[in-house]
Protein backbone atom coordinates (compact mmCIF):
# COMPACT_ATOMS: atom_id res chain seq x y z
CA UNK A 1 0.00 0.00 0.00
CA UNK A 2 2.82 2.41 0.90
CA UNK A 3 4.66 1.65 -2.35
CA UNK A 4 1.52 2.22 -4.45
CA UNK A 5 0.90 5.60 -2.79
CA UNK A 6 4.51 6.61 -3.39
CA UNK A 7 4.28 5.60 -7.03
CA UNK A 8 1.23 7.84 -7.48
CA UNK A 9 3.05 10.76 -5.81
CA UNK A 10 6.04 10.28 -8.12
CA UNK A 11 3.86 10.31 -11.22
CA UNK A 12 2.27 13.59 -10.11
CA UNK A 13 5.65 15.10 -9.30
CA UNK A 14 7.17 14.11 -12.65
CA UNK A 15 4.22 15.59 -14.50
CA UNK A 16 4.65 18.95 -12.79
CA UNK A 17 8.47 18.94 -12.99
CA UNK A 18 9.30 18.67 -16.66
CA UNK A 19 12.51 20.72 -16.59
CA UNK A 20 15.68 20.94 -14.49
CA UNK A 21 14.03 19.99 -11.23
CA UNK A 22 12.54 16.86 -12.83
CA UNK A 23 15.77 14.91 -12.38
CA UNK A 24 16.16 16.01 -8.78
CA UNK A 25 12.55 15.13 -8.09
CA UNK A 26 13.00 11.69 -9.61
CA UNK A 27 16.12 11.09 -7.53
CA UNK A 28 14.35 12.20 -4.35
CA UNK A 29 11.41 9.97 -5.23
CA UNK A 30 13.72 7.06 -5.89
CA UNK A 31 15.33 7.48 -2.48
CA UNK A 32 11.87 7.68 -0.90
CA UNK A 33 10.83 4.45 -2.61
CA UNK A 34 14.03 2.76 -1.45
CA UNK A 35 13.43 3.89 2.15
CA UNK A 36 9.84 2.68 2.12
CA UNK A 37 10.87 -0.62 0.56
CA UNK A 38 13.47 -1.13 3.30
CA UNK A 39 10.85 -0.35 5.96
CA UNK A 40 8.38 -2.76 4.38
CA UNK A 41 11.06 -5.44 4.25
CA UNK A 42 11.79 -4.95 7.96
CA UNK A 43 8.09 -5.32 8.78
CA UNK A 44 7.84 -8.49 6.72
CA UNK A 45 11.03 -9.86 8.30
CA UNK A 46 9.70 -9.23 11.80
CA UNK A 47 6.41 -10.92 10.95
CA UNK A 48 8.18 -13.93 9.45
CA UNK A 49 10.58 -14.15 12.41
CA UNK A 50 7.70 -14.03 14.90
CA UNK A 51 5.87 -16.72 12.94
CA UNK A 52 8.95 -18.97 12.92
CA UNK A 53 9.61 -18.45 16.63
CA UNK A 54 5.95 -19.15 17.43
CA UNK A 55 5.98 -22.24 15.23
CA UNK A 56 9.13 -23.59 16.85
CA UNK A 57 7.70 -22.99 20.33
CA UNK A 58 4.44 -24.77 19.39
CA UNK A 59 6.28 -27.70 17.83
CA UNK A 60 8.73 -27.93 20.75
CA UNK A 61 5.91 -28.35 23.29
CA UNK A 62 4.04 -30.82 21.08
CA UNK A 63 7.13 -32.91 20.34
CA UNK A 64 8.01 -33.03 24.06
CA UNK A 65 4.47 -34.18 24.93
CA UNK A 66 4.58 -36.88 22.25
CA UNK A 67 7.95 -38.06 23.56
CA UNK A 68 6.21 -38.64 26.90
CA UNK A 69 3.46 -40.56 25.11
CA UNK A 70 6.05 -42.79 23.48
CA UNK A 71 7.92 -43.39 26.73
CA UNK A 72 4.83 -44.10 28.87
CA UNK A 73 2.71 -46.05 26.38
CA UNK A 74 5.46 -48.40 25.24
CA UNK A 75 4.00 -48.15 21.73
CA UNK A 76 5.79 -49.72 18.79
CA UNK A 77 7.06 -47.46 16.01
CA UNK A 78 3.95 -48.10 13.91
CA UNK A 79 1.62 -47.55 16.88
CA UNK A 80 3.38 -44.33 17.84
CA UNK A 81 3.07 -43.01 14.29
CA UNK A 82 -0.68 -43.72 14.48
CA UNK A 83 -0.91 -41.82 17.79
CA UNK A 84 1.14 -38.95 16.38
CA UNK A 85 -1.01 -38.70 13.23
CA UNK A 86 -4.19 -38.90 15.29
CA UNK A 87 -3.05 -36.13 17.64
CA UNK A 88 -2.19 -33.84 14.73
CA UNK A 89 -5.42 -34.61 12.85
CA UNK A 90 -7.62 -34.00 15.90
CA UNK A 91 -5.58 -30.93 16.79
CA UNK A 92 -6.32 -29.39 13.39
CA UNK A 93 -10.05 -30.16 13.37
CA UNK A 94 -11.33 -29.67 16.94
CA UNK A 95 -11.36 -27.09 19.75
CA UNK A 96 -8.20 -28.58 21.16
CA UNK A 97 -4.64 -28.23 19.96
CA UNK A 98 -2.39 -31.15 19.07
CA UNK A 99 -0.46 -30.60 22.31
CA UNK A 100 -3.68 -30.93 24.34
CA UNK A 101 -4.54 -34.15 22.49
CA UNK A 102 -1.03 -35.41 23.27
CA UNK A 103 -1.65 -34.73 26.97
CA UNK A 104 -4.89 -36.73 26.66
CA UNK A 105 -2.86 -39.63 25.26
CA UNK A 106 -0.38 -39.30 28.13
CA UNK A 107 -3.15 -39.63 30.74
CA UNK A 108 -4.71 -42.65 29.02
CA UNK A 109 -1.26 -44.26 28.82
CA UNK A 110 -0.69 -43.66 32.53
CA UNK A 111 -3.86 -45.67 33.22
CA UNK A 112 -2.38 -48.61 31.32
CA UNK A 113 -4.24 -48.10 28.04
CA UNK A 114 -2.52 -49.57 25.01
CA UNK A 115 -2.02 -47.46 21.90
CA UNK A 116 -5.05 -49.10 20.28
CA UNK A 117 -7.20 -48.51 23.37
CA UNK A 118 -6.13 -44.86 23.47
CA UNK A 119 -7.06 -44.41 19.81
CA UNK A 120 -10.46 -45.98 20.51
CA UNK A 121 -11.17 -43.83 23.56
CA UNK A 122 -9.82 -40.39 22.70
CA UNK A 123 -12.70 -39.19 20.51
CA UNK A 124 -15.12 -39.81 23.39
CA UNK A 125 -12.96 -37.70 25.68
CA UNK A 126 -12.83 -34.91 23.11
CA UNK A 127 -16.63 -34.85 22.75
CA UNK A 128 -17.13 -34.81 26.53
CA UNK A 129 -14.59 -32.03 27.08
CA UNK A 130 -16.14 -29.88 24.34
CA UNK A 131 -19.69 -30.53 25.56
CA UNK A 132 -18.91 -29.76 29.20
CA UNK A 133 -16.16 -27.16 28.77
CA UNK A 134 -13.81 -29.17 30.97
CA UNK A 135 -10.04 -29.70 30.65
CA UNK A 136 -9.31 -32.36 28.02
CA UNK A 137 -6.51 -34.20 29.83
CA UNK A 138 -8.51 -34.40 33.07
CA UNK A 139 -11.61 -35.56 31.18
CA UNK A 140 -9.52 -38.37 29.69
CA UNK A 141 -8.36 -39.38 33.17
CA UNK A 142 -11.95 -39.52 34.48
CA UNK A 143 -13.23 -41.54 31.50
CA UNK A 144 -10.26 -43.89 31.71
CA UNK A 145 -10.53 -44.48 35.47
CA UNK A 146 -14.30 -45.02 35.16
CA UNK A 147 -13.76 -47.61 32.44
CA UNK A 148 -11.20 -49.37 34.62
CA UNK A 149 -13.38 -49.07 37.75
CA UNK A 150 -16.38 -50.74 36.08
CA UNK A 151 -14.20 -53.25 34.22
CA UNK A 152 -15.33 -51.96 30.82
CA UNK A 153 -13.44 -52.26 27.54
CA UNK A 154 -11.88 -49.16 26.02
CA UNK A 155 -14.32 -49.50 23.11
CA UNK A 156 -17.08 -48.50 25.56
CA UNK A 157 -15.50 -45.09 26.19
CA UNK A 158 -18.33 -43.59 24.14
CA UNK A 159 -20.86 -45.07 26.55
CA UNK A 160 -19.07 -43.54 29.55
CA UNK A 161 -18.77 -40.24 27.70
CA UNK A 162 -22.50 -40.15 26.91
CA UNK A 163 -23.51 -40.98 30.48
CA UNK A 164 -21.18 -38.29 31.84
CA UNK A 165 -22.45 -35.66 29.40
CA UNK A 166 -26.08 -36.52 30.08
CA UNK A 167 -25.64 -36.56 33.86
CA UNK A 168 -23.78 -33.23 33.90
CA UNK A 169 -26.73 -31.56 32.17
CA UNK A 170 -29.53 -33.27 34.11
CA UNK A 171 -28.17 -33.22 37.67
CA UNK A 172 -25.81 -31.33 39.97
CA UNK A 173 -22.95 -33.60 38.96
CA UNK A 174 -19.85 -32.01 37.44
CA UNK A 175 -16.62 -33.54 36.23
CA UNK A 176 -14.99 -32.94 39.62
CA UNK A 177 -17.94 -34.36 41.60
CA UNK A 178 -18.26 -37.33 39.23
CA UNK A 179 -14.56 -38.15 39.58
CA UNK A 180 -14.57 -37.77 43.37
CA UNK A 181 -17.59 -40.03 43.87
CA UNK A 182 -16.69 -42.65 41.25
CA UNK A 183 -13.23 -43.30 42.72
CA UNK A 184 -15.05 -44.59 45.83
CA UNK A 185 -18.04 -46.40 44.36
CA UNK A 186 -17.04 -47.72 40.90
CA UNK A 187 -14.99 -50.81 41.95
CA UNK A 188 -17.67 -51.87 44.49
CA UNK A 189 -20.52 -51.29 42.01
CA UNK A 190 -18.73 -53.45 39.45
CA UNK A 191 -18.07 -56.17 42.04
CA UNK A 192 -21.72 -56.33 43.11
CA UNK A 193 -23.18 -56.03 39.60
CA UNK A 194 -24.56 -52.47 39.53
CA UNK A 195 -24.35 -50.77 36.12
CA UNK A 196 -22.67 -47.47 35.33
CA UNK A 197 -26.03 -45.93 34.45
CA UNK A 198 -27.75 -47.00 37.67
CA UNK A 199 -24.82 -45.90 39.84
CA UNK A 200 -24.64 -42.52 38.10
CA UNK A 201 -28.38 -41.95 38.48
CA UNK A 202 -28.21 -42.55 42.26
CA UNK A 203 -25.16 -40.29 42.57
CA UNK A 204 -27.02 -37.58 40.66
CA UNK A 205 -30.02 -37.82 43.01
CA UNK A 206 -27.75 -37.57 46.06
CA UNK A 207 -25.81 -34.55 44.75
CA UNK A 208 -29.08 -32.87 43.75
CA UNK A 209 -30.09 -33.16 47.40
CA UNK A 210 -26.95 -31.29 48.47
CA UNK A 211 -24.80 -34.20 49.63
CA UNK A 212 -21.11 -33.64 48.87
CA UNK A 213 -19.62 -35.89 46.20
CA UNK A 214 -17.12 -37.54 48.53
CA UNK A 215 -19.80 -38.31 51.15
CA UNK A 216 -22.24 -39.47 48.44
CA UNK A 217 -19.67 -41.88 47.00
CA UNK A 218 -18.66 -43.26 50.39
CA UNK A 219 -22.26 -43.61 51.61
CA UNK A 220 -23.38 -45.34 48.42
CA UNK A 221 -20.43 -47.72 48.57
CA UNK A 222 -21.29 -48.77 52.13
CA UNK A 223 -25.02 -49.14 51.30
CA UNK A 224 -24.18 -51.33 48.28
CA UNK A 225 -21.89 -53.47 50.43
CA UNK A 226 -24.59 -53.93 53.08
CA UNK A 227 -27.17 -54.86 50.43
CA UNK A 228 -24.87 -57.57 49.06
CA UNK A 229 -23.89 -58.93 52.48
CA UNK A 230 -26.34 -61.61 53.71
CA UNK A 231 -25.24 -61.04 57.32
CA UNK A 232 -26.06 -57.29 57.35
CA UNK A 233 -29.22 -55.92 59.02
CA UNK A 234 -30.26 -54.36 55.73
CA UNK A 235 -30.15 -57.67 53.83
CA UNK A 236 -31.97 -59.44 56.67
CA UNK A 237 -34.67 -56.78 56.62
CA UNK A 238 -35.07 -57.25 52.86
CA UNK A 239 -35.04 -61.01 53.21
CA UNK A 240 -32.46 -61.32 50.45
CA UNK A 241 -29.24 -59.80 49.09
CA UNK A 242 -29.16 -57.32 46.24
CA UNK A 243 -26.83 -58.18 43.36
CA UNK A 244 -27.95 -56.18 40.32
CA UNK A 245 -29.29 -52.82 39.20
CA UNK A 246 -32.83 -54.20 38.83
CA UNK A 247 -32.81 -55.74 42.30
CA UNK A 248 -31.74 -52.39 43.78
CA UNK A 249 -34.94 -50.66 42.63
CA UNK A 250 -37.07 -53.63 43.71
CA UNK A 251 -35.48 -53.55 47.17
CA UNK A 252 -36.12 -49.82 47.58
CA UNK A 253 -39.72 -50.24 46.44
CA UNK A 254 -40.25 -53.10 48.93
CA UNK A 255 -38.96 -50.96 51.78
CA UNK A 256 -41.25 -48.11 50.75
CA UNK A 257 -44.27 -50.43 50.71
CA UNK A 258 -43.46 -51.48 54.26
CA UNK A 259 -43.46 -47.84 55.30
CA UNK A 260 -39.86 -47.67 56.50
CA UNK A 261 -39.33 -44.36 58.32
CA UNK A 262 -36.28 -42.49 59.67
CA UNK A 263 -36.21 -44.54 62.87
CA UNK A 264 -36.23 -47.81 60.93
CA UNK A 265 -33.48 -46.59 58.59
CA UNK A 266 -31.16 -46.00 61.54
CA UNK A 267 -31.44 -49.66 62.39
CA UNK A 268 -30.59 -50.76 58.85
CA UNK A 269 -27.54 -48.63 58.02
CA UNK A 270 -24.87 -46.69 59.88
CA UNK A 271 -25.56 -43.17 61.06
CA UNK A 272 -23.41 -41.68 58.29
CA UNK A 273 -25.46 -43.39 55.57
CA UNK A 274 -28.89 -42.53 56.98
CA UNK A 275 -29.29 -39.32 54.97
CA UNK A 276 -28.20 -40.90 51.67
CA UNK A 277 -30.37 -43.98 52.17
CA UNK A 278 -33.36 -41.83 53.07
CA UNK A 279 -32.95 -39.80 49.86
CA UNK A 280 -32.75 -43.01 47.83
CA UNK A 281 -35.98 -44.33 49.37
CA UNK A 282 -37.79 -41.07 48.64
CA UNK A 283 -36.62 -40.87 45.02
CA UNK A 284 -37.11 -44.35 43.60
CA UNK A 285 -39.09 -43.09 40.60
CA UNK A 286 -36.45 -40.45 39.86
CA UNK A 287 -33.73 -43.11 39.99
CA UNK A 288 -35.70 -45.27 37.52
CA UNK A 289 -36.32 -42.31 35.23
CA UNK A 290 -32.72 -41.12 35.24
CA UNK A 291 -31.36 -44.62 34.73
CA UNK A 292 -33.55 -45.08 31.68
CA UNK A 293 -32.43 -41.70 30.32
CA UNK A 294 -28.76 -42.61 30.72
CA UNK A 295 -29.28 -46.02 29.14
CA UNK A 296 -30.74 -44.23 26.10
CA UNK A 297 -28.12 -41.47 26.00
CA UNK A 298 -26.10 -42.90 23.10
CA UNK A 299 -24.62 -40.03 21.09
CA UNK A 300 -25.41 -37.42 23.75
CA UNK A 301 -21.83 -36.20 24.08
CA UNK A 302 -21.39 -35.84 20.30
CA UNK A 303 -24.71 -33.99 19.91
CA UNK A 304 -23.85 -31.62 22.76
CA UNK A 305 -20.37 -31.03 21.37
CA UNK A 306 -21.83 -30.15 17.96
CA UNK A 307 -24.24 -27.65 19.53
CA UNK A 308 -21.54 -26.06 21.70
CA UNK A 309 -19.18 -25.74 18.74
CA UNK A 310 -21.71 -24.29 16.28
CA UNK A 311 -20.93 -20.61 16.91
CA UNK A 312 -18.26 -17.95 16.37
CA UNK A 313 -16.34 -18.91 19.52
CA UNK A 314 -16.19 -22.52 18.35
CA UNK A 315 -15.06 -21.44 14.89
CA UNK A 316 -12.30 -19.27 16.36
CA UNK A 317 -11.08 -22.10 18.59
CA UNK A 318 -10.97 -24.49 15.63
CA UNK A 319 -9.13 -21.85 13.58
CA UNK A 320 -6.56 -21.42 16.37
CA UNK A 321 -6.04 -25.18 16.55
CA UNK A 322 -5.74 -25.40 12.77
CA UNK A 323 -3.07 -22.67 12.75
CA UNK A 324 -1.10 -24.47 15.45
CA UNK A 325 -1.47 -27.68 13.47
CA UNK A 326 -0.02 -25.90 10.42
CA UNK A 327 2.87 -24.60 12.54
CA UNK A 328 3.63 -28.13 13.72
CA UNK A 329 3.58 -29.55 10.18
CA UNK A 330 5.85 -26.81 8.81
CA UNK A 331 8.25 -26.77 11.77
CA UNK A 332 8.50 -30.57 11.73
CA UNK A 333 10.38 -30.26 8.43
CA UNK A 334 13.09 -28.03 9.85
CA UNK A 335 13.11 -29.43 13.42
CA UNK A 336 16.03 -31.85 12.76
CA UNK A 337 18.18 -28.94 11.54
CA UNK A 338 17.26 -26.77 14.52
CA UNK A 339 17.95 -29.68 16.88
CA UNK A 340 21.34 -30.24 15.25
CA UNK A 341 22.25 -26.56 15.63
CA UNK A 342 21.21 -26.52 19.31
CA UNK A 343 23.12 -29.74 20.02
CA UNK A 344 26.11 -28.29 18.18
CA UNK A 345 26.11 -25.24 20.46
CA UNK A 346 25.69 -27.52 23.48
CA UNK A 347 28.73 -29.58 22.47
CA UNK A 348 30.69 -26.38 21.80
CA UNK A 349 29.93 -25.05 25.28
CA UNK A 350 30.88 -28.43 26.78
CA UNK A 351 34.22 -28.35 24.97
CA UNK A 352 34.92 -24.85 26.32
CA UNK A 353 34.05 -26.04 29.82
CA UNK A 354 36.32 -29.07 29.48
CA UNK A 355 39.14 -26.89 28.17
CA UNK A 356 38.78 -24.54 31.12
CA UNK A 357 38.68 -27.40 33.60
CA UNK A 358 42.23 -28.17 34.83
CA UNK A 359 42.92 -31.81 35.59
CA UNK A 360 43.80 -32.70 39.18
CA UNK A 361 47.07 -34.35 38.09
CA UNK A 362 48.10 -31.05 36.47
CA UNK A 363 47.27 -29.14 39.66
CA UNK A 364 49.41 -31.58 41.68
CA UNK A 365 52.26 -31.17 39.21
CA UNK A 366 52.05 -27.38 39.62
CA UNK A 367 52.29 -27.87 43.40
CA UNK A 368 55.37 -30.07 42.94
CA UNK A 369 57.06 -27.46 40.73
CA UNK A 370 56.28 -24.76 43.30
CA UNK A 371 57.80 -26.98 46.00
CA UNK A 372 61.01 -27.34 43.96
CA UNK A 373 61.06 -23.55 43.65
CA UNK A 374 60.87 -23.21 47.43
CA UNK A 375 63.73 -25.70 47.81
CA UNK A 376 65.89 -23.74 45.36
CA UNK A 377 65.23 -20.45 47.15
CA UNK A 378 66.04 -21.98 50.53
CA UNK A 379 69.37 -23.30 49.15
CA UNK A 380 70.45 -19.77 48.29
CA UNK A 381 73.57 -18.99 50.38
CA UNK A 382 72.75 -15.29 50.40
CA UNK A 383 69.30 -15.83 51.93
CA UNK A 384 68.92 -14.01 55.25
CA UNK A 385 67.71 -15.87 58.34
CA UNK A 386 64.55 -13.78 58.50
CA UNK A 387 63.61 -14.57 54.89
CA UNK A 388 64.48 -18.24 55.45
CA UNK A 389 62.11 -18.42 58.44
CA UNK A 390 59.39 -16.68 56.43
CA UNK A 391 59.71 -19.21 53.53
CA UNK A 392 59.62 -22.18 55.90
CA UNK A 393 56.44 -20.84 57.56
CA UNK A 394 54.81 -20.53 54.12
CA UNK A 395 55.74 -24.15 53.36
CA UNK A 396 54.34 -25.34 56.69
CA UNK A 397 51.01 -23.62 56.00
CA UNK A 398 50.75 -25.36 52.61
CA UNK A 399 51.94 -28.83 53.69
CA UNK A 400 51.14 -29.02 57.42
CA UNK A 401 50.81 -32.80 57.43
CA UNK A 402 54.43 -33.33 56.34
CA UNK A 403 56.11 -30.27 57.80
CA UNK A 404 54.17 -29.80 61.06
CA UNK A 405 57.06 -30.91 63.31
CA UNK A 406 59.63 -28.56 61.78
CA UNK A 407 60.69 -25.58 63.83
CA UNK A 408 61.18 -22.70 61.39
CA UNK A 409 63.71 -21.05 63.73
CA UNK A 410 65.89 -24.10 64.49
CA UNK A 411 65.60 -26.60 61.61
CA UNK A 412 68.88 -27.39 59.83
CA UNK A 413 69.28 -27.42 56.05
CA UNK A 414 69.74 -31.22 55.98
CA UNK A 415 66.55 -31.81 57.98
CA UNK A 416 64.65 -29.38 55.77
CA UNK A 417 65.88 -31.01 52.54
CA UNK A 418 64.92 -34.46 53.84
CA UNK A 419 61.40 -33.26 54.68
CA UNK A 420 61.02 -31.54 51.31
CA UNK A 421 62.12 -34.72 49.49
CA UNK A 422 59.43 -36.61 51.45
CA UNK A 423 56.76 -34.12 50.35
CA UNK A 424 58.02 -34.28 46.75
CA UNK A 425 57.91 -38.10 46.71
CA UNK A 426 54.36 -37.99 48.08
CA UNK A 427 53.28 -35.60 45.34
CA UNK A 428 54.92 -37.75 42.63
CA UNK A 429 53.01 -40.80 43.84
CA UNK A 430 49.74 -38.86 43.93
CA UNK A 431 50.35 -37.54 40.42
CA UNK A 432 51.02 -41.02 39.03
CA UNK A 433 47.89 -42.46 40.64
CA UNK A 434 45.74 -39.53 39.47
CA UNK A 435 47.05 -39.84 35.91
CA UNK A 436 46.02 -43.51 35.87
CA UNK A 437 42.53 -42.58 37.12
CA UNK A 438 42.21 -39.91 34.44
CA UNK A 439 43.26 -42.38 31.74
CA UNK A 440 40.54 -44.77 32.91
CA UNK A 441 37.95 -41.97 32.88
CA UNK A 442 39.00 -40.84 29.40
CA UNK A 443 38.80 -44.42 28.13
CA UNK A 444 35.33 -44.77 29.64
CA UNK A 445 34.25 -41.49 28.03
CA UNK A 446 35.63 -42.60 24.66
CA UNK A 447 33.76 -45.88 24.99
CA UNK A 448 30.55 -44.03 25.87
CA UNK A 449 30.99 -41.73 22.87
CA UNK A 450 31.58 -44.73 20.61
CA UNK A 451 28.41 -46.42 21.88
CA UNK A 452 26.47 -43.20 21.39
CA UNK A 453 27.68 -42.92 17.79
CA UNK A 454 26.72 -46.55 17.13
CA UNK A 455 23.24 -45.87 18.51
CA UNK A 456 22.89 -42.81 16.28
CA UNK A 457 23.91 -44.89 13.25
CA UNK A 458 21.43 -47.59 14.23
CA UNK A 459 18.69 -44.96 14.62
CA UNK A 460 19.50 -43.50 11.19
CA UNK A 461 19.41 -46.99 9.71
CA UNK A 462 16.01 -47.68 11.29
CA UNK A 463 14.68 -44.43 9.83
CA UNK A 464 16.07 -45.33 6.40
CA UNK A 465 14.41 -48.75 6.60
CA UNK A 466 11.14 -47.16 7.72
CA UNK A 467 11.26 -44.73 4.78
C-alpha cells in the first residue's frame, strides 16, 4: 500500500516537474521508494521471524508431549506413528490443539491403556470435554478411570462419555464431583453387579439433594456393600441380598411399601449413611427415570459437542487449533536442523568447559614445581635468616601434614631437605595415581561416545528402513 501511494506521488511530481528539477525530483522519489521498501522489508522480516519463533515454540511443546506418550505407552514405532497422526489430525479439526490431544494420550497411557485402546477412547474424551467445557486431559483421566473401575473395555468409552455428558446436564454432577464419587463407588458397584447408568443416576439424586460428592460416593459404597452382604441388618430386613441394578430398585420399592421411616433406617444402616439412604428411598421413581435416560443417552456427548461448537467462539477455537497444526507440520520439516544446531552449540559449550577445567594431576604437578622452587630459594647462600624463616612458615602452612614438626627457627638445612624430598615423593606418587585414574575416565568417556555414535547410526538406519 505504501509503495503504491509513493508511485502515485512520483507520477504527479514528474508531471509537474518537466525541466531541471525533474531529475532532482525523480532522484528524491527514488530514495523515498528505497526507504519505504526497506521499511516494508523490515516489517515483513519481523512478521516472518515471529511466525517462525511461534511455530518452533508450538512444535517444541508438542514434540516433548509426544515423547512422553512414546515413553509411557510403550508403543511400537507403527503404533506411535498412528498416535502422532491422530493427535495432529484432531488438533487441526477440533477445539483442542495437538499438544492438548497429546496430553490426553499421556493420561490414558498412565492408566495402562494400550495405543489401540487410546485411539479408541480419545474421541469420546474430546466430545465430553467440548460438551462440558472441561479440561481435556482431566476428562480423559476420568473416563479412563471409570472404564477401569467398572471393568469396561476401552471401546465403551463412548458409553461412559455419553452418560457423563447426560448426567452433567440433568443433575448437579460435574466432572470434579463425578470423579470424586466414582473413585469410591465404581470398583464396588462393578463387584456387586450395579451398572454405570444406575450408579450414576443414584449419585445424581444424592448430589441434587446437596450431599457432597465424597460423602455421596462413600455412603453409596457402604449401602451397596450392606445390600450384598447376607449377614447385614439391611439384607436381613429385605429377606435377600441385592446383586444387580434391577434388584436395587425392587429392594427400595419393597422398603417403601413397608413404610420404612427415619427410625427404621437407623437400624438398617450406619448413622453416616442414613441421609443418603433416606434420599434413595424417597426418590425411587427419579432413579428409575434417570437410569432409563442414561441407558438411552447414546450419542449425547457428540450432539452436545456439535451444539456447543456451532458458533463464532467454536469457529475461532478451531481456527486457532488449525493454525497451530499448520505450525507443527511446517516446523516438523526443519526441526532436525534446529535440533542439530542446538546440540552443536551444546557440544561447543561443553568443549569450552572441558578446556577450562584443569585436571587434578596437572594441579598436583604445579604444586610439585612450586615446592622445587621453594627448595631452590632456601638453598640460596645469600638468603637471610629472616627470609628463610618466612619461607619455611609458608611451606608449613601449605603442607602441614608433612612439615608440622619442623621448627622454622631451628631446623637445619639437611633436615629441611629431607622433609622436602618426602613431600616431593608424596606428590609424585599422587600424580602417578591420578594420571592412571584420568586415563581410565578418558577411556570410559571414549567408549561411551563410541556407543552413542553406534546408537545414532542404528537410529539413522532404522529411519532409512522405515522410509
